[in-house]
Amino acid sequence: MKVEQSVIEVVISVQNSRIEGNMHLPSGGRLTDYLALPERKFIPLTEAKIFSIPGNELLYVVPFLSLNKAFIIYIFPKDKEEKDNKQL
């Protein structure tokens, strides 16, 4: 049985790196609810880009990344307004 999913772009900070990619949530699910699930130790991301901190150098582009939640410093959805501002 296939579960309906929604895709959101996220920005994640881990030690010495920033990750931008697509996170797949159950349709209608919230990012905070998904992260709070204790049985989820890893977060799957697609179309992931890994940047260095400091320096903002693009280190890797990978089609799939499984990220251990324990290493996340912060995470937030990358909304359209933020993407537009970054292009200026």
PDB file of N, CA and C in Angstrom:
ATOM      1  N   MET A   1       0.840  -1.174   0.000  1.00  0.00           N
ATOM      2  CA  MET A   1       0.000   0.000   0.000  1.00  0.00           C
ATOM      3  C   MET A   1       0.890   1.244   0.000  1.00  0.00           C
ATOM      4  N   LYS A   2       0.654   2.117  -0.948  1.00  0.00           N
ATOM      5  CA  LYS A   2       1.451   3.333  -1.066  1.00  0.00           C
ATOM      6  C   LYS A   2       0.837   4.433  -0.216  1.00  0.00           C
ATOM      7  N   VAL A   3       1.688   5.092   0.574  1.00  0.00           N
ATOM      8  CA  VAL A   3       1.243   6.190   1.438  1.00  0.00           C
ATOM      9  C   VAL A   3       1.427   7.502   0.687  1.00  0.00           C
ATOM     10  N   GLU A   4       0.381   8.329   0.674  1.00  0.00           N
ATOM     11  CA  GLU A   4       0.481   9.649   0.051  1.00  0.00           C
ATOM     12  C   GLU A   4       1.479  10.490   0.836  1.00  0.00           C
ATOM     13  N   GLN A   5       2.353  11.178   0.110  1.00  0.00           N
ATOM     14  CA  GLN A   5       3.376  11.993   0.755  1.00  0.00           C
ATOM     15  C   GLN A   5       3.397  13.393   0.160  1.00  0.00           C
ATOM     16  N   SER A   6       3.857  14.326   0.984  1.00  0.00           N
ATOM     17  CA  SER A   6       4.130  15.671   0.495  1.00  0.00           C
ATOM     18  C   SER A   6       5.631  15.906   0.642  1.00  0.00           C
ATOM     19  N   VAL A   7       6.171  16.713  -0.255  1.00  0.00           N
ATOM     20  CA  VAL A   7       7.610  16.989  -0.256  1.00  0.00           C
ATOM     21  C   VAL A   7       7.817  18.436   0.159  1.00  0.00           C
ATOM     22  N   ILE A   8       8.700  18.642   1.138  1.00  0.00           N
ATOM     23  CA  ILE A   8       9.057  19.997   1.526  1.00  0.00           C
ATOM     24  C   ILE A   8      10.578  20.149   1.438  1.00  0.00           C
ATOM     25  N   GLU A   9      11.005  21.313   0.999  1.00  0.00           N
ATOM     26  CA  GLU A   9      12.438  21.609   0.990  1.00  0.00           C
ATOM     27  C   GLU A   9      12.833  22.072   2.381  1.00  0.00           C
ATOM     28  N   VAL A  10      13.945  21.541   2.890  1.00  0.00           N
ATOM     29  CA  VAL A  10      14.399  21.894   4.231  1.00  0.00           C
ATOM     30  C   VAL A  10      15.861  22.325   4.208  1.00  0.00           C
ATOM     31  N   VAL A  11      16.223  23.088   5.233  1.00  0.00           N
ATOM     32  CA  VAL A  11      17.609  23.466   5.494  1.00  0.00           C
ATOM     33  C   VAL A  11      17.938  22.889   6.865  1.00  0.00           C
ATOM     34  N   ILE A  12      19.054  22.167   6.939  1.00  0.00           N
ATOM     35  CA  ILE A  12      19.448  21.499   8.177  1.00  0.00           C
ATOM     36  C   ILE A  12      20.890  21.879   8.497  1.00  0.00           C
ATOM     37  N   SER A  13      21.136  22.201   9.747  1.00  0.00           N
ATOM     38  CA  SER A  13      22.498  22.464  10.192  1.00  0.00           C
ATOM     39  C   SER A  13      22.977  21.288  11.035  1.00  0.00           C
ATOM     40  N   VAL A  14      24.164  20.800  10.684  1.00  0.00           N
ATOM     41  CA  VAL A  14      24.867  19.806  11.488  1.00  0.00           C
ATOM     42  C   VAL A  14      26.269  20.366  11.704  1.00  0.00           C
ATOM     43  N   GLN A  15      27.040  19.734  12.539  1.00  0.00           N
ATOM     44  CA  GLN A  15      28.371  20.266  12.831  1.00  0.00           C
ATOM     45  C   GLN A  15      29.189  20.422  11.552  1.00  0.00           C
ATOM     46  N   ASN A  16      29.660  21.620  11.293  1.00  0.00           N
ATOM     47  CA  ASN A  16      30.523  21.963  10.157  1.00  0.00           C
ATOM     48  C   ASN A  16      29.866  21.852   8.784  1.00  0.00           C
ATOM     49  N   SER A  17      28.559  21.619   8.718  1.00  0.00           N
ATOM     50  CA  SER A  17      27.886  21.497   7.421  1.00  0.00           C
ATOM     51  C   SER A  17      26.459  22.013   7.472  1.00  0.00           C
ATOM     52  N   ARG A  18      25.994  22.466   6.315  1.00  0.00           N
ATOM     53  CA  ARG A  18      24.580  22.808   6.132  1.00  0.00           C
ATOM     54  C   ARG A  18      24.067  21.921   5.011  1.00  0.00           C
ATOM     55  N   ILE A  19      22.890  21.371   5.205  1.00  0.00           N
ATOM     56  CA  ILE A  19      22.301  20.466   4.222  1.00  0.00           C
ATOM     57  C   ILE A  19      20.994  21.061   3.738  1.00  0.00           C
ATOM     58  N   GLU A  20      20.805  21.064   2.432  1.00  0.00           N
ATOM     59  CA  GLU A  20      19.543  21.472   1.832  1.00  0.00           C
ATOM     60  C   GLU A  20      19.047  20.305   1.004  1.00  0.00           C
ATOM     61  N   GLY A  21      17.768  19.972   1.172  1.00  0.00           N
ATOM     62  CA  GLY A  21      17.233  18.846   0.417  1.00  0.00           C
ATOM     63  C   GLY A  21      15.737  18.733   0.574  1.00  0.00           C
ATOM     64  N   ASN A  22      15.185  17.681  -0.020  1.00  0.00           N
ATOM     65  CA  ASN A  22      13.752  17.420   0.033  1.00  0.00           C
ATOM     66  C   ASN A  22      13.446  16.371   1.092  1.00  0.00           C
ATOM     67  N   MET A  23      12.495  16.696   1.929  1.00  0.00           N
ATOM     68  CA  MET A  23      12.047  15.778   2.971  1.00  0.00           C
ATOM     69  C   MET A  23      10.641  15.326   2.611  1.00  0.00           C
ATOM     70  N   HIS A  24      10.396  14.043   2.712  1.00  0.00           N
ATOM     71  CA  HIS A  24       9.108  13.463   2.340  1.00  0.00           C
ATOM     72  C   HIS A  24       8.324  13.140   3.602  1.00  0.00           C
ATOM     73  N   LEU A  25       7.195  13.831   3.770  1.00  0.00           N
ATOM     74  CA  LEU A  25       6.340  13.650   4.937  1.00  0.00           C
ATOM     75  C   LEU A  25       5.035  12.996   4.516  1.00  0.00           C
ATOM     76  N   PRO A  26       4.403  12.264   5.448  1.00  0.00           N
ATOM     77  CA  PRO A  26       3.061  11.770   5.139  1.00  0.00           C
ATOM     78  C   PRO A  26       2.163  12.959   4.804  1.00  0.00           C
ATOM     79  N   SER A  27       1.297  12.791   3.826  1.00  0.00           N
ATOM     80  CA  SER A  27       0.423  13.882   3.399  1.00  0.00           C
ATOM     81  C   SER A  27      -0.344  14.455   4.584  1.00  0.00           C
ATOM     82  N   GLY A  28      -0.262  15.781   4.740  1.00  0.00           N
ATOM     83  CA  GLY A  28      -0.921  16.450   5.861  1.00  0.00           C
ATOM     84  C   GLY A  28      -0.108  16.433   7.143  1.00  0.00           C
ATOM     85  N   GLY A  29       1.057  15.762   7.124  1.00  0.00           N
ATOM     86  CA  GLY A  29       1.904  15.682   8.320  1.00  0.00           C
ATOM     87  C   GLY A  29       2.707  16.956   8.518  1.00  0.00           C
ATOM     88  N   ARG A  30       3.101  17.178   9.765  1.00  0.00           N
ATOM     89  CA  ARG A  30       3.903  18.358  10.096  1.00  0.00           C
ATOM     90  C   ARG A  30       5.341  17.940  10.357  1.00  0.00           C
ATOM     91  N   LEU A  31       6.263  18.817  10.031  1.00  0.00           N
ATOM     92  CA  LEU A  31       7.679  18.560  10.223  1.00  0.00           C
ATOM     93  C   LEU A  31       7.983  18.229  11.684  1.00  0.00           C
ATOM     94  N   THR A  32       7.450  18.999  12.618  1.00  0.00           N
ATOM     95  CA  THR A  32       7.739  18.769  14.039  1.00  0.00           C
ATOM     96  C   THR A  32       7.215  17.419  14.520  1.00  0.00           C
ATOM     97  N   ASP A  33       6.048  17.016  14.029  1.00  0.00           N
ATOM     98  CA  ASP A  33       5.509  15.709  14.416  1.00  0.00           C
ATOM     99  C   ASP A  33       6.393  14.584  13.900  1.00  0.00           C
ATOM    100  N   TYR A  34       6.852  14.720  12.673  1.00  0.00           N
ATOM    101  CA  TYR A  34       7.712  13.707  12.064  1.00  0.00           C
ATOM    102  C   TYR A  34       9.026  13.578  12.842  1.00  0.00           C
ATOM    103  N   LEU A  35       9.612  14.709  13.213  1.00  0.00           N
ATOM    104  CA  LEU A  35      10.889  14.687  13.945  1.00  0.00           C
ATOM    105  C   LEU A  35      10.743  14.137  15.359  1.00  0.00           C
ATOM    106  N   ALA A  36       9.558  14.278  15.941  1.00  0.00           N
ATOM    107  CA  ALA A  36       9.344  13.841  17.327  1.00  0.00           C
ATOM    108  C   ALA A  36       9.121  12.338  17.457  1.00  0.00           C
ATOM    109  N   LEU A  37       8.937  11.634  16.356  1.00  0.00           N
ATOM    110  CA  LEU A  37       8.704  10.193  16.435  1.00  0.00           C
ATOM    111  C   LEU A  37       9.951   9.479  16.946  1.00  0.00           C
ATOM    112  N   PRO A  38       9.875   8.836  18.116  1.00  0.00           N
ATOM    113  CA  PRO A  38      11.075   8.221  18.696  1.00  0.00           C
ATOM    114  C   PRO A  38      11.618   7.055  17.876  1.00  0.00           C
ATOM    115  N   GLU A  39      10.764   6.386  17.106  1.00  0.00           N
ATOM    116  CA  GLU A  39      11.233   5.250  16.313  1.00  0.00           C
ATOM    117  C   GLU A  39      12.008   5.676  15.068  1.00  0.00           C
ATOM    118  N   ARG A  40      11.947   6.955  14.742  1.00  0.00           N
ATOM    119  CA  ARG A  40      12.688   7.474  13.583  1.00  0.00           C
ATOM    120  C   ARG A  40      14.036   8.012  14.047  1.00  0.00           C
ATOM    121  N   LYS A  41      15.077   7.228  13.839  1.00  0.00           N
ATOM    122  CA  LYS A  41      16.435   7.654  14.216  1.00  0.00           C
ATOM    123  C   LYS A  41      17.125   8.386  13.073  1.00  0.00           C
ATOM    124  N   PHE A  42      16.673   8.124  11.844  1.00  0.00           N
ATOM    125  CA  PHE A  42      17.279   8.729  10.659  1.00  0.00           C
ATOM    126  C   PHE A  42      16.201   9.430   9.830  1.00  0.00           C
ATOM    127  N   ILE A  43      16.593  10.497   9.159  1.00  0.00           N
ATOM    128  CA  ILE A  43      15.693  11.251   8.294  1.00  0.00           C
ATOM    129  C   ILE A  43      16.150  11.041   6.848  1.00  0.00           C
ATOM    130  N   PRO A  44      15.288  10.512   5.999  1.00  0.00           N
ATOM    131  CA  PRO A  44      15.667  10.379   4.592  1.00  0.00           C
ATOM    132  C   PRO A  44      15.448  11.695   3.843  1.00  0.00           C
ATOM    133  N   LEU A  45      16.439  12.074   3.062  1.00  0.00           N
ATOM    134  CA  LEU A  45      16.360  13.280   2.231  1.00  0.00           C
ATOM    135  C   LEU A  45      16.695  12.898   0.798  1.00  0.00           C
ATOM    136  N   THR A  46      16.058  13.578  -0.152  1.00  0.00           N
ATOM    137  CA  THR A  46      16.405  13.386  -1.553  1.00  0.00           C
ATOM    138  C   THR A  46      16.911  14.707  -2.119  1.00  0.00           C
ATOM    139  N   GLU A  47      17.655  14.605  -3.232  1.00  0.00           N
ATOM    140  CA  GLU A  47      18.205  15.799  -3.886  1.00  0.00           C
ATOM    141  C   GLU A  47      18.983  16.652  -2.883  1.00  0.00           C
ATOM    142  N   ALA A  48      19.820  16.019  -2.077  1.00  0.00           N
ATOM    143  CA  ALA A  48      20.519  16.704  -0.988  1.00  0.00           C
ATOM    144  C   ALA A  48      21.804  17.383  -1.468  1.00  0.00           C
ATOM    145  N   LYS A  49      22.022  18.588  -0.962  1.00  0.00           N
ATOM    146  CA  LYS A  49      23.256  19.339  -1.208  1.00  0.00           C
ATOM    147  C   LYS A  49      23.890  19.613   0.146  1.00  0.00           C
ATOM    148  N   ILE A  50      25.177  19.334   0.255  1.00  0.00           N
ATOM    149  CA  ILE A  50      25.901  19.527   1.512  1.00  0.00           C
ATOM    150  C   ILE A  50      26.936  20.629   1.303  1.00  0.00           C
ATOM    151  N   PHE A  51      26.847  21.657   2.159  1.00  0.00           N
ATOM    152  CA  PHE A  51      27.727  22.820   2.087  1.00  0.00           C
ATOM    153  C   PHE A  51      28.611  22.885   3.324  1.00  0.00           C
ATOM    154  N   SER A  52      29.814  23.417   3.172  1.00  0.00           N
ATOM    155  CA  SER A  52      30.714  23.590   4.312  1.00  0.00           C
ATOM    156  C   SER A  52      30.298  24.804   5.133  1.00  0.00           C
ATOM    157  N   ILE A  53      30.583  24.727   6.430  1.00  0.00           N
ATOM    158  CA  ILE A  53      30.444  25.866   7.340  1.00  0.00           C
ATOM    159  C   ILE A  53      31.755  25.934   8.113  1.00  0.00           C
ATOM    160  N   PRO A  54      32.480  26.990   8.101  1.00  0.00           N
ATOM    161  CA  PRO A  54      32.251  28.224   7.345  1.00  0.00           C
ATOM    162  C   PRO A  54      32.675  28.034   5.892  1.00  0.00           C
ATOM    163  N   GLY A  55      32.359  29.015   5.078  1.00  0.00           N
ATOM    164  CA  GLY A  55      32.806  29.035   3.702  1.00  0.00           C
ATOM    165  C   GLY A  55      31.724  28.816   2.673  1.00  0.00           C
ATOM    166  N   ASN A  56      30.675  28.098   3.023  1.00  0.00           N
ATOM    167  CA  ASN A  56      29.544  27.893   2.117  1.00  0.00           C
ATOM    168  C   ASN A  56      29.949  27.221   0.808  1.00  0.00           C
ATOM    169  N   GLU A  57      30.991  26.373   0.839  1.00  0.00           N
ATOM    170  CA  GLU A  57      31.440  25.655  -0.348  1.00  0.00           C
ATOM    171  C   GLU A  57      30.582  24.407  -0.540  1.00  0.00           C
ATOM    172  N   LEU A  58      30.108  24.184  -1.754  1.00  0.00           N
ATOM    173  CA  LEU A  58      29.326  22.993  -2.061  1.00  0.00           C
ATOM    174  C   LEU A  58      30.268  21.788  -2.051  1.00  0.00           C
ATOM    175  N   LEU A  59      30.019  20.853  -1.135  1.00  0.00           N
ATOM    176  CA  LEU A  59      30.888  19.687  -0.988  1.00  0.00           C
ATOM    177  C   LEU A  59      30.367  18.475  -1.740  1.00  0.00           C
ATOM    178  N   TYR A  60      29.065  18.222  -1.622  1.00  0.00           N
ATOM    179  CA  TYR A  60      28.459  17.040  -2.234  1.00  0.00           C
ATOM    180  C   TYR A  60      27.056  17.359  -2.733  1.00  0.00           C
ATOM    181  N   VAL A  61      26.666  16.670  -3.791  1.00  0.00           N
ATOM    182  CA  VAL A  61      25.282  16.640  -4.260  1.00  0.00           C
ATOM    183  C   VAL A  61      24.954  15.156  -4.404  1.00  0.00           C
ATOM    184  N   VAL A  62      23.948  14.704  -3.665  1.00  0.00           N
ATOM    185  CA  VAL A  62      23.608  13.282  -3.681  1.00  0.00           C
ATOM    186  C   VAL A  62      22.104  13.106  -3.892  1.00  0.00           C
ATOM    187  N   PRO A  63      21.705  12.050  -4.597  1.00  0.00           N
ATOM    188  CA  PRO A  63      20.279  11.830  -4.822  1.00  0.00           C
ATOM    189  C   PRO A  63      19.540  11.374  -3.566  1.00  0.00           C
ATOM    190  N   PHE A  64      20.258  10.742  -2.622  1.00  0.00           N
ATOM    191  CA  PHE A  64      19.640  10.263  -1.386  1.00  0.00           C
ATOM    192  C   PHE A  64      20.626  10.400  -0.240  1.00  0.00           C
ATOM    193  N   LEU A  65      20.101  10.821   0.919  1.00  0.00           N
ATOM    194  CA  LEU A  65      20.898  10.949   2.135  1.00  0.00           C
ATOM    195  C   LEU A  65      20.052  10.516   3.317  1.00  0.00           C
ATOM    196  N   SER A  66      20.615   9.682   4.167  1.00  0.00           N
ATOM    197  CA  SER A  66      19.949   9.287   5.403  1.00  0.00           C
ATOM    198  C   SER A  66      20.711   9.953   6.546  1.00  0.00           C
ATOM    199  N   LEU A  67      20.056  10.878   7.237  1.00  0.00           N
ATOM    200  CA  LEU A  67      20.705  11.716   8.247  1.00  0.00           C
ATOM    201  C   LEU A  67      20.276  11.306   9.654  1.00  0.00           C
ATOM    202  N   ASN A  68      21.237  11.057  10.519  1.00  0.00           N
ATOM    203  CA  ASN A  68      20.962  10.721  11.912  1.00  0.00           C
ATOM    204  C   ASN A  68      20.417  11.955  12.636  1.00  0.00           C
ATOM    205  N   LYS A  69      19.218  11.853  13.201  1.00  0.00           N
ATOM    206  CA  LYS A  69      18.573  12.993  13.876  1.00  0.00           C
ATOM    207  C   LYS A  69      19.403  13.532  15.039  1.00  0.00           C
ATOM    208  N   ALA A  70      20.194  12.686  15.666  1.00  0.00           N
ATOM    209  CA  ALA A  70      20.964  13.102  16.839  1.00  0.00           C
ATOM    210  C   ALA A  70      21.981  14.196  16.515  1.00  0.00           C
ATOM    211  N   PHE A  71      22.336  14.357  15.248  1.00  0.00           N
ATOM    212  CA  PHE A  71      23.355  15.329  14.867  1.00  0.00           C
ATOM    213  C   PHE A  71      22.776  16.666  14.392  1.00  0.00           C
ATOM    214  N   ILE A  72      21.457  16.783  14.375  1.00  0.00           N
ATOM    215  CA  ILE A  72      20.833  18.008  13.890  1.00  0.00           C
ATOM    216  C   ILE A  72      20.927  19.118  14.927  1.00  0.00           C
ATOM    217  N   ILE A  73      21.425  20.282  14.513  1.00  0.00           N
ATOM    218  CA  ILE A  73      21.465  21.469  15.368  1.00  0.00           C
ATOM    219  C   ILE A  73      20.173  22.251  15.182  1.00  0.00           C
ATOM    220  N   TYR A  74      19.803  22.492  13.912  1.00  0.00           N
ATOM    221  CA  TYR A  74      18.499  23.089  13.621  1.00  0.00           C
ATOM    222  C   TYR A  74      18.021  22.611  12.260  1.00  0.00           C
ATOM    223  N   ILE A  75      16.714  22.725  12.065  1.00  0.00           N
ATOM    224  CA  ILE A  75      16.085  22.372  10.796  1.00  0.00           C
ATOM    225  C   ILE A  75      14.908  23.311  10.586  1.00  0.00           C
ATOM    226  N   PHE A  76      14.721  23.764   9.345  1.00  0.00           N
ATOM    227  CA  PHE A  76      13.542  24.570   9.049  1.00  0.00           C
ATOM    228  C   PHE A  76      13.149  24.375   7.594  1.00  0.00           C
ATOM    229  N   PRO A  77      11.858  24.562   7.295  1.00  0.00           N
ATOM    230  CA  PRO A  77      11.418  24.467   5.908  1.00  0.00           C
ATOM    231  C   PRO A  77      11.900  25.674   5.121  1.00  0.00           C
ATOM    232  N   LYS A  78      12.328  25.424   3.913  1.00  0.00           N
ATOM    233  CA  LYS A  78      12.802  26.484   3.020  1.00  0.00           C
ATOM    234  C   LYS A  78      11.594  26.952   2.220  1.00  0.00           C
ATOM    235  N   ASP A  79      11.027  28.079   2.619  1.00  0.00           N
ATOM    236  CA  ASP A  79       9.821  28.539   1.947  1.00  0.00           C
ATOM    237  C   ASP A  79      10.155  29.370   0.707  1.00  0.00           C
ATOM    238  N   LYS A  80       9.156  29.661  -0.085  1.00  0.00           N
ATOM    239  CA  LYS A  80       9.352  30.390  -1.339  1.00  0.00           C
ATOM    240  C   LYS A  80       9.976  31.762  -1.109  1.00  0.00           C
ATOM    241  N   GLU A  81       9.542  32.475  -0.081  1.00  0.00           N
ATOM    242  CA  GLU A  81      10.073  33.810   0.181  1.00  0.00           C
ATOM    243  C   GLU A  81      11.562  33.749   0.479  1.00  0.00           C
ATOM    244  N   GLU A  82      11.988  32.765   1.258  1.00  0.00           N
ATOM    245  CA  GLU A  82      13.393  32.625   1.599  1.00  0.00           C
ATOM    246  C   GLU A  82      14.212  32.315   0.351  1.00  0.00           C
ATOM    247  N   LYS A  83      13.676  31.467  -0.553  1.00  0.00           N
ATOM    248  CA  LYS A  83      14.381  31.144  -1.789  1.00  0.00           C
ATOM    249  C   LYS A  83      14.512  32.383  -2.666  1.00  0.00           C
ATOM    250  N   ASP A  84      13.462  33.191  -2.749  1.00  0.00           N
ATOM    251  CA  ASP A  84      13.498  34.414  -3.554  1.00  0.00           C
ATOM    252  C   ASP A  84      14.531  35.395  -3.013  1.00  0.00           C
ATOM    253  N   ASN A  85      14.603  35.562  -1.682  1.00  0.00           N
ATOM    254  CA  ASN A  85      15.563  36.469  -1.074  1.00  0.00           C
ATOM    255  C   ASN A  85      16.994  36.011  -1.300  1.00  0.00           C
ATOM    256  N   LYS A  86      17.219  34.708  -1.312  1.00  0.00           N
ATOM    257  CA  LYS A  86      18.559  34.171  -1.485  1.00  0.00           C
ATOM    258  C   LYS A  86      19.087  34.463  -2.899  1.00  0.00           C
ATOM    259  N   GLN A  87      18.177  34.568  -3.873  1.00  0.00           N
ATOM    260  CA  GLN A  87      18.583  34.800  -5.244  1.00  0.00           C
ATOM    261  C   GLN A  87      18.954  36.249  -5.511  1.00  0.00           C
ATOM    262  N   LEU A  88      18.639  37.171  -4.612  1.00  0.00           N
ATOM    263  CA  LEU A  88      18.945  38.582  -4.823  1.00  0.00           C
ATOM    264  C   LEU A  88      20.416  38.875  -4.764  1.00  0.00           C
TER     265      LEU A  88
END
